[in-house]
Amino acid sequence: MTSKKTRRFEDVRPGEALPELAIPITVPLIAGGAIATRDYFPGHHDAEAARALGSPHIFMNILTTSGLVQRYAESWAGPGARFGALKIKLGAPNYPGDTMTFSGEVSVCDADRRSVEITLKGKNSMGNHVTGTVALVLP
């Protein structure tokens, strides 16, 4: 879904839907994301420790989720967009073997700032893993 073309502010309208993006949730994604963000909590990389905590498997950390949200928004907007604010809330955990599918839409366009706000969600088989908004400045 990565776009080589940057969206221009004039070409975006409130209500515009972003294309969906499906992310397979894997052990390497979860564990690698946790290690890359220096989150050494055992529930993110040790299945036995996660089960001892009452979880069926390791689960994704919030920093990996934040990175995936940013990937989704910026791949729609293109390389010339500038990332602004990220406001998210976590819901159902992401476990290996599931798929998280992102969907979103442009909810606000601010002509004075040339910024757009995207309302989005990442949903897995248990419900919404993440919901929130992302602000981007477009050329």
N, C-alpha and C. Protein backbone atom coordinates (compact mmCIF):
# COMPACT_ATOMS: atom_id res chain seq x y z
N MET A 1 0.81 -1.19 0.00
CA MET A 1 0.00 0.00 0.00
C MET A 1 0.85 1.25 0.00
N THR A 2 2.14 1.17 0.17
CA THR A 2 2.99 2.35 0.24
C THR A 2 2.89 3.14 -1.06
N SER A 3 2.61 4.41 -0.91
CA SER A 3 2.46 5.30 -2.05
C SER A 3 3.77 6.05 -2.27
N LYS A 4 4.21 6.12 -3.52
CA LYS A 4 5.39 6.92 -3.87
C LYS A 4 4.98 8.37 -4.13
N LYS A 5 3.69 8.58 -4.28
CA LYS A 5 3.16 9.91 -4.57
C LYS A 5 2.58 10.50 -3.29
N THR A 6 2.93 11.73 -3.00
CA THR A 6 2.40 12.41 -1.83
C THR A 6 1.06 13.05 -2.16
N ARG A 7 0.10 12.83 -1.29
CA ARG A 7 -1.21 13.48 -1.47
C ARG A 7 -1.05 14.97 -1.21
N ARG A 8 -1.78 15.73 -1.99
CA ARG A 8 -1.80 17.18 -1.79
C ARG A 8 -3.06 17.54 -1.02
N PHE A 9 -2.97 18.58 -0.20
CA PHE A 9 -4.10 18.99 0.62
C PHE A 9 -5.35 19.23 -0.22
N GLU A 10 -5.17 19.86 -1.38
CA GLU A 10 -6.31 20.21 -2.24
C GLU A 10 -7.07 18.98 -2.75
N ASP A 11 -6.43 17.84 -2.74
CA ASP A 11 -7.03 16.63 -3.30
C ASP A 11 -7.72 15.75 -2.26
N VAL A 12 -7.75 16.20 -1.01
CA VAL A 12 -8.30 15.39 0.08
C VAL A 12 -9.58 16.04 0.60
N ARG A 13 -10.58 15.22 0.90
CA ARG A 13 -11.86 15.72 1.41
C ARG A 13 -12.27 14.95 2.66
N PRO A 14 -12.96 15.63 3.60
CA PRO A 14 -13.50 14.89 4.75
C PRO A 14 -14.42 13.77 4.27
N GLY A 15 -14.33 12.65 4.93
CA GLY A 15 -15.13 11.49 4.56
C GLY A 15 -14.43 10.55 3.61
N GLU A 16 -13.31 10.98 3.04
CA GLU A 16 -12.55 10.11 2.13
C GLU A 16 -12.05 8.90 2.89
N ALA A 17 -12.34 7.72 2.37
CA ALA A 17 -11.91 6.48 3.01
C ALA A 17 -10.49 6.13 2.59
N LEU A 18 -9.71 5.66 3.53
CA LEU A 18 -8.39 5.13 3.24
C LEU A 18 -8.53 3.67 2.86
N PRO A 19 -7.67 3.15 2.01
CA PRO A 19 -7.74 1.73 1.70
C PRO A 19 -7.38 0.90 2.93
N GLU A 20 -7.99 -0.26 3.04
CA GLU A 20 -7.68 -1.14 4.17
C GLU A 20 -6.26 -1.70 4.03
N LEU A 21 -5.66 -2.02 5.16
CA LEU A 21 -4.34 -2.64 5.20
C LEU A 21 -4.38 -3.76 6.22
N ALA A 22 -4.14 -4.99 5.76
CA ALA A 22 -4.15 -6.16 6.64
C ALA A 22 -2.71 -6.49 7.05
N ILE A 23 -2.50 -6.63 8.35
CA ILE A 23 -1.19 -6.95 8.91
C ILE A 23 -1.28 -8.32 9.59
N PRO A 24 -0.58 -9.34 9.07
CA PRO A 24 -0.55 -10.62 9.78
C PRO A 24 0.21 -10.46 11.10
N ILE A 25 -0.37 -10.93 12.17
CA ILE A 25 0.28 -10.82 13.49
C ILE A 25 1.09 -12.09 13.71
N THR A 26 2.39 -11.93 13.83
CA THR A 26 3.31 -13.05 13.96
C THR A 26 4.17 -12.91 15.21
N VAL A 27 4.76 -14.02 15.63
CA VAL A 27 5.70 -13.97 16.76
C VAL A 27 6.86 -13.02 16.46
N PRO A 28 7.51 -13.11 15.28
CA PRO A 28 8.60 -12.17 15.01
C PRO A 28 8.17 -10.70 15.03
N LEU A 29 6.98 -10.39 14.56
CA LEU A 29 6.50 -9.01 14.59
C LEU A 29 6.34 -8.54 16.04
N ILE A 30 5.71 -9.35 16.87
CA ILE A 30 5.48 -8.96 18.26
C ILE A 30 6.79 -8.88 19.04
N ALA A 31 7.57 -9.95 19.00
CA ALA A 31 8.82 -9.98 19.77
C ALA A 31 9.83 -8.96 19.23
N GLY A 32 9.95 -8.89 17.90
CA GLY A 32 10.88 -7.94 17.30
C GLY A 32 10.51 -6.50 17.60
N GLY A 33 9.21 -6.19 17.56
CA GLY A 33 8.76 -4.84 17.88
C GLY A 33 9.06 -4.48 19.32
N ALA A 34 8.85 -5.43 20.23
CA ALA A 34 9.13 -5.17 21.64
C ALA A 34 10.61 -4.95 21.87
N ILE A 35 11.44 -5.81 21.29
CA ILE A 35 12.89 -5.69 21.48
C ILE A 35 13.40 -4.39 20.85
N ALA A 36 12.90 -4.06 19.65
CA ALA A 36 13.34 -2.85 18.97
C ALA A 36 13.00 -1.59 19.76
N THR A 37 11.94 -1.65 20.55
CA THR A 37 11.54 -0.49 21.34
C THR A 37 12.02 -0.60 22.80
N ARG A 38 12.92 -1.58 23.04
CA ARG A 38 13.51 -1.80 24.36
C ARG A 38 12.47 -2.10 25.44
N ASP A 39 11.43 -2.78 25.03
CA ASP A 39 10.39 -3.21 25.96
C ASP A 39 10.64 -4.69 26.25
N TYR A 40 11.29 -4.96 27.36
CA TYR A 40 11.70 -6.32 27.68
C TYR A 40 10.71 -7.04 28.60
N PHE A 41 9.50 -6.55 28.70
CA PHE A 41 8.47 -7.21 29.48
C PHE A 41 8.27 -8.61 28.91
N PRO A 42 8.35 -9.66 29.74
CA PRO A 42 8.29 -11.04 29.24
C PRO A 42 7.03 -11.38 28.44
N GLY A 43 5.92 -10.73 28.70
CA GLY A 43 4.69 -11.03 27.98
C GLY A 43 4.74 -10.70 26.50
N HIS A 44 5.79 -9.98 26.09
CA HIS A 44 5.93 -9.61 24.68
C HIS A 44 6.88 -10.53 23.91
N HIS A 45 7.58 -11.44 24.60
CA HIS A 45 8.53 -12.29 23.87
C HIS A 45 8.67 -13.71 24.43
N ASP A 46 8.10 -13.98 25.60
CA ASP A 46 8.24 -15.30 26.23
C ASP A 46 6.85 -15.90 26.42
N ALA A 47 6.51 -16.92 25.60
CA ALA A 47 5.16 -17.50 25.63
C ALA A 47 4.82 -18.10 26.99
N GLU A 48 5.78 -18.76 27.62
CA GLU A 48 5.51 -19.35 28.95
C GLU A 48 5.23 -18.26 29.98
N ALA A 49 6.00 -17.20 29.94
CA ALA A 49 5.78 -16.09 30.87
C ALA A 49 4.42 -15.44 30.61
N ALA A 50 4.06 -15.30 29.35
CA ALA A 50 2.76 -14.71 29.01
C ALA A 50 1.63 -15.58 29.54
N ARG A 51 1.76 -16.91 29.39
CA ARG A 51 0.72 -17.81 29.91
C ARG A 51 0.65 -17.74 31.43
N ALA A 52 1.79 -17.60 32.09
CA ALA A 52 1.80 -17.47 33.56
C ALA A 52 1.07 -16.21 34.00
N LEU A 53 1.03 -15.21 33.12
CA LEU A 53 0.32 -13.96 33.40
C LEU A 53 -1.17 -14.07 33.07
N GLY A 54 -1.60 -15.23 32.51
CA GLY A 54 -3.00 -15.43 32.16
C GLY A 54 -3.33 -15.16 30.71
N SER A 55 -2.31 -14.91 29.91
CA SER A 55 -2.50 -14.64 28.49
C SER A 55 -2.30 -15.93 27.69
N PRO A 56 -3.04 -16.15 26.61
CA PRO A 56 -2.87 -17.39 25.85
C PRO A 56 -1.56 -17.44 25.06
N HIS A 57 -0.94 -16.29 24.81
CA HIS A 57 0.29 -16.24 24.02
C HIS A 57 0.94 -14.88 24.28
N ILE A 58 2.10 -14.63 23.67
CA ILE A 58 2.68 -13.30 23.76
C ILE A 58 1.74 -12.30 23.10
N PHE A 59 1.87 -11.03 23.46
CA PHE A 59 0.96 -10.02 22.92
C PHE A 59 1.74 -8.76 22.56
N MET A 60 1.20 -8.03 21.59
CA MET A 60 1.86 -6.85 21.04
C MET A 60 1.91 -5.70 22.05
N ASN A 61 3.03 -4.97 22.05
CA ASN A 61 3.15 -3.79 22.92
C ASN A 61 2.61 -2.54 22.20
N ILE A 62 2.40 -1.49 22.97
CA ILE A 62 1.79 -0.28 22.42
C ILE A 62 2.71 0.43 21.45
N LEU A 63 4.03 0.34 21.64
CA LEU A 63 4.93 1.02 20.73
C LEU A 63 4.93 0.38 19.34
N THR A 64 4.81 -0.93 19.28
CA THR A 64 4.68 -1.60 17.98
C THR A 64 3.37 -1.19 17.32
N THR A 65 2.31 -1.16 18.10
CA THR A 65 1.02 -0.71 17.57
C THR A 65 1.13 0.71 17.04
N SER A 66 1.78 1.60 17.79
CA SER A 66 1.95 2.99 17.35
C SER A 66 2.69 3.06 16.02
N GLY A 67 3.73 2.25 15.88
CA GLY A 67 4.48 2.22 14.63
C GLY A 67 3.64 1.74 13.47
N LEU A 68 2.79 0.75 13.70
CA LEU A 68 1.92 0.25 12.64
C LEU A 68 0.86 1.27 12.26
N VAL A 69 0.35 2.02 13.24
CA VAL A 69 -0.60 3.10 12.96
C VAL A 69 0.08 4.15 12.09
N GLN A 70 1.30 4.53 12.46
CA GLN A 70 2.04 5.52 11.68
C GLN A 70 2.29 5.01 10.26
N ARG A 71 2.66 3.75 10.13
CA ARG A 71 2.87 3.15 8.80
C ARG A 71 1.60 3.27 7.96
N TYR A 72 0.46 2.94 8.55
CA TYR A 72 -0.81 2.99 7.83
C TYR A 72 -1.10 4.40 7.33
N ALA A 73 -0.99 5.38 8.22
CA ALA A 73 -1.32 6.76 7.85
C ALA A 73 -0.33 7.32 6.84
N GLU A 74 0.94 7.12 7.07
CA GLU A 74 1.95 7.70 6.17
C GLU A 74 2.01 7.00 4.83
N SER A 75 1.68 5.71 4.78
CA SER A 75 1.68 5.04 3.49
C SER A 75 0.53 5.54 2.62
N TRP A 76 -0.56 5.97 3.24
CA TRP A 76 -1.66 6.58 2.48
C TRP A 76 -1.27 7.98 2.03
N ALA A 77 -0.66 8.76 2.92
CA ALA A 77 -0.38 10.16 2.63
C ALA A 77 0.80 10.36 1.69
N GLY A 78 1.78 9.46 1.74
CA GLY A 78 2.95 9.58 0.88
C GLY A 78 4.15 10.17 1.61
N PRO A 79 5.31 10.10 0.95
CA PRO A 79 6.57 10.47 1.62
C PRO A 79 6.73 11.95 1.91
N GLY A 80 5.98 12.82 1.25
CA GLY A 80 6.12 14.25 1.49
C GLY A 80 5.23 14.78 2.60
N ALA A 81 4.39 13.93 3.17
CA ALA A 81 3.52 14.36 4.28
C ALA A 81 4.35 14.43 5.56
N ARG A 82 3.96 15.33 6.44
CA ARG A 82 4.65 15.45 7.73
C ARG A 82 3.71 14.95 8.82
N PHE A 83 4.23 14.01 9.60
CA PHE A 83 3.45 13.41 10.68
C PHE A 83 3.29 14.43 11.79
N GLY A 84 2.05 14.57 12.30
CA GLY A 84 1.79 15.51 13.38
C GLY A 84 1.55 14.80 14.69
N ALA A 85 0.30 14.61 15.03
CA ALA A 85 -0.06 14.01 16.32
C ALA A 85 -0.61 12.61 16.14
N LEU A 86 -0.41 11.81 17.16
CA LEU A 86 -0.94 10.45 17.21
C LEU A 86 -1.66 10.30 18.54
N LYS A 87 -2.94 9.97 18.48
CA LYS A 87 -3.74 9.74 19.69
C LYS A 87 -4.44 8.41 19.52
N ILE A 88 -4.04 7.42 20.32
CA ILE A 88 -4.62 6.10 20.17
C ILE A 88 -5.05 5.52 21.51
N LYS A 89 -5.95 4.56 21.42
CA LYS A 89 -6.42 3.81 22.58
C LYS A 89 -6.39 2.33 22.21
N LEU A 90 -5.84 1.52 23.11
CA LEU A 90 -5.79 0.08 22.86
C LEU A 90 -7.05 -0.60 23.35
N GLY A 91 -7.38 -1.69 22.67
CA GLY A 91 -8.54 -2.51 23.04
C GLY A 91 -8.14 -3.96 23.16
N ALA A 92 -8.66 -4.81 22.28
CA ALA A 92 -8.37 -6.25 22.29
C ALA A 92 -6.89 -6.47 21.97
N PRO A 93 -6.25 -7.42 22.65
CA PRO A 93 -4.83 -7.68 22.37
C PRO A 93 -4.61 -8.29 20.99
N ASN A 94 -3.40 -8.08 20.48
CA ASN A 94 -2.97 -8.73 19.24
C ASN A 94 -2.12 -9.94 19.60
N TYR A 95 -2.57 -11.14 19.19
CA TYR A 95 -1.85 -12.39 19.43
C TYR A 95 -1.37 -12.96 18.10
N PRO A 96 -0.28 -13.73 18.13
CA PRO A 96 0.20 -14.38 16.90
C PRO A 96 -0.89 -15.27 16.29
N GLY A 97 -0.90 -15.32 14.97
CA GLY A 97 -1.86 -16.13 14.25
C GLY A 97 -3.10 -15.37 13.82
N ASP A 98 -3.25 -14.16 14.31
CA ASP A 98 -4.40 -13.33 13.95
C ASP A 98 -3.98 -12.34 12.86
N THR A 99 -4.90 -11.56 12.38
CA THR A 99 -4.62 -10.49 11.42
C THR A 99 -5.29 -9.23 11.94
N MET A 100 -4.56 -8.13 11.89
CA MET A 100 -5.15 -6.83 12.23
C MET A 100 -5.35 -6.07 10.92
N THR A 101 -6.58 -5.63 10.70
CA THR A 101 -6.90 -4.89 9.48
C THR A 101 -7.20 -3.44 9.84
N PHE A 102 -6.42 -2.55 9.26
CA PHE A 102 -6.63 -1.12 9.45
C PHE A 102 -7.65 -0.60 8.46
N SER A 103 -8.48 0.32 8.94
CA SER A 103 -9.37 1.09 8.09
C SER A 103 -9.43 2.49 8.67
N GLY A 104 -9.78 3.45 7.84
CA GLY A 104 -9.83 4.82 8.34
C GLY A 104 -10.46 5.74 7.33
N GLU A 105 -10.66 6.97 7.78
CA GLU A 105 -11.17 8.00 6.88
C GLU A 105 -10.70 9.36 7.33
N VAL A 106 -10.67 10.28 6.39
CA VAL A 106 -10.32 11.66 6.70
C VAL A 106 -11.50 12.26 7.45
N SER A 107 -11.24 12.73 8.66
CA SER A 107 -12.33 13.28 9.47
C SER A 107 -12.30 14.81 9.55
N VAL A 108 -11.13 15.43 9.39
CA VAL A 108 -11.01 16.88 9.48
C VAL A 108 -9.99 17.36 8.46
N CYS A 109 -10.30 18.48 7.80
CA CYS A 109 -9.35 19.16 6.93
C CYS A 109 -9.24 20.61 7.41
N ASP A 110 -8.04 21.07 7.70
CA ASP A 110 -7.79 22.43 8.17
C ASP A 110 -6.97 23.16 7.12
N ALA A 111 -7.64 24.02 6.33
CA ALA A 111 -6.98 24.69 5.21
C ALA A 111 -5.88 25.64 5.67
N ASP A 112 -6.06 26.30 6.81
CA ASP A 112 -5.05 27.25 7.29
C ASP A 112 -3.72 26.54 7.59
N ARG A 113 -3.80 25.35 8.10
CA ARG A 113 -2.58 24.59 8.45
C ARG A 113 -2.21 23.54 7.40
N ARG A 114 -3.08 23.37 6.42
CA ARG A 114 -2.91 22.33 5.40
C ARG A 114 -2.78 20.96 6.05
N SER A 115 -3.55 20.78 7.11
CA SER A 115 -3.48 19.52 7.86
C SER A 115 -4.79 18.74 7.71
N VAL A 116 -4.65 17.44 7.87
CA VAL A 116 -5.80 16.55 7.87
C VAL A 116 -5.72 15.68 9.11
N GLU A 117 -6.88 15.30 9.61
CA GLU A 117 -6.94 14.33 10.70
C GLU A 117 -7.61 13.08 10.15
N ILE A 118 -7.00 11.96 10.44
CA ILE A 118 -7.53 10.66 10.03
C ILE A 118 -8.05 9.96 11.28
N THR A 119 -9.26 9.48 11.22
CA THR A 119 -9.81 8.63 12.27
C THR A 119 -9.66 7.20 11.79
N LEU A 120 -9.10 6.34 12.65
CA LEU A 120 -8.78 5.00 12.20
C LEU A 120 -9.04 3.96 13.27
N LYS A 121 -9.03 2.70 12.81
CA LYS A 121 -9.09 1.57 13.73
C LYS A 121 -8.31 0.42 13.13
N GLY A 122 -7.74 -0.39 14.00
CA GLY A 122 -7.10 -1.64 13.61
C GLY A 122 -7.84 -2.75 14.32
N LYS A 123 -8.49 -3.61 13.55
CA LYS A 123 -9.39 -4.62 14.11
C LYS A 123 -8.83 -6.01 13.88
N ASN A 124 -8.91 -6.86 14.91
CA ASN A 124 -8.54 -8.27 14.77
C ASN A 124 -9.77 -9.13 15.02
N SER A 125 -9.59 -10.44 15.17
CA SER A 125 -10.74 -11.33 15.31
C SER A 125 -11.51 -11.13 16.61
N MET A 126 -10.91 -10.46 17.58
CA MET A 126 -11.59 -10.22 18.87
C MET A 126 -12.23 -8.85 18.97
N GLY A 127 -11.98 -7.99 17.99
CA GLY A 127 -12.53 -6.64 18.04
C GLY A 127 -11.47 -5.62 17.70
N ASN A 128 -11.69 -4.40 18.12
CA ASN A 128 -10.74 -3.33 17.83
C ASN A 128 -9.51 -3.46 18.73
N HIS A 129 -8.35 -3.62 18.10
CA HIS A 129 -7.09 -3.60 18.84
C HIS A 129 -6.70 -2.17 19.15
N VAL A 130 -6.90 -1.28 18.18
CA VAL A 130 -6.52 0.13 18.34
C VAL A 130 -7.54 1.02 17.65
N THR A 131 -7.85 2.13 18.29
CA THR A 131 -8.68 3.18 17.68
C THR A 131 -8.00 4.50 17.95
N GLY A 132 -8.25 5.48 17.10
CA GLY A 132 -7.66 6.78 17.37
C GLY A 132 -7.63 7.70 16.18
N THR A 133 -6.78 8.71 16.29
CA THR A 133 -6.63 9.71 15.24
C THR A 133 -5.15 9.97 14.99
N VAL A 134 -4.89 10.40 13.76
CA VAL A 134 -3.56 10.82 13.34
C VAL A 134 -3.70 12.14 12.60
N ALA A 135 -2.84 13.09 12.92
CA ALA A 135 -2.81 14.37 12.20
C ALA A 135 -1.60 14.40 11.28
N LEU A 136 -1.83 14.84 10.04
CA LEU A 136 -0.77 14.93 9.05
C LEU A 136 -0.84 16.31 8.38
N VAL A 137 0.31 16.86 8.05
CA VAL A 137 0.37 18.09 7.27
C VAL A 137 0.76 17.70 5.85
N LEU A 138 -0.03 18.17 4.90
CA LEU A 138 0.18 17.82 3.49
C LEU A 138 0.68 19.03 2.71
N PRO A 139 1.50 18.80 1.68
CA PRO A 139 1.95 19.93 0.87
C PRO A 139 0.81 20.52 0.05
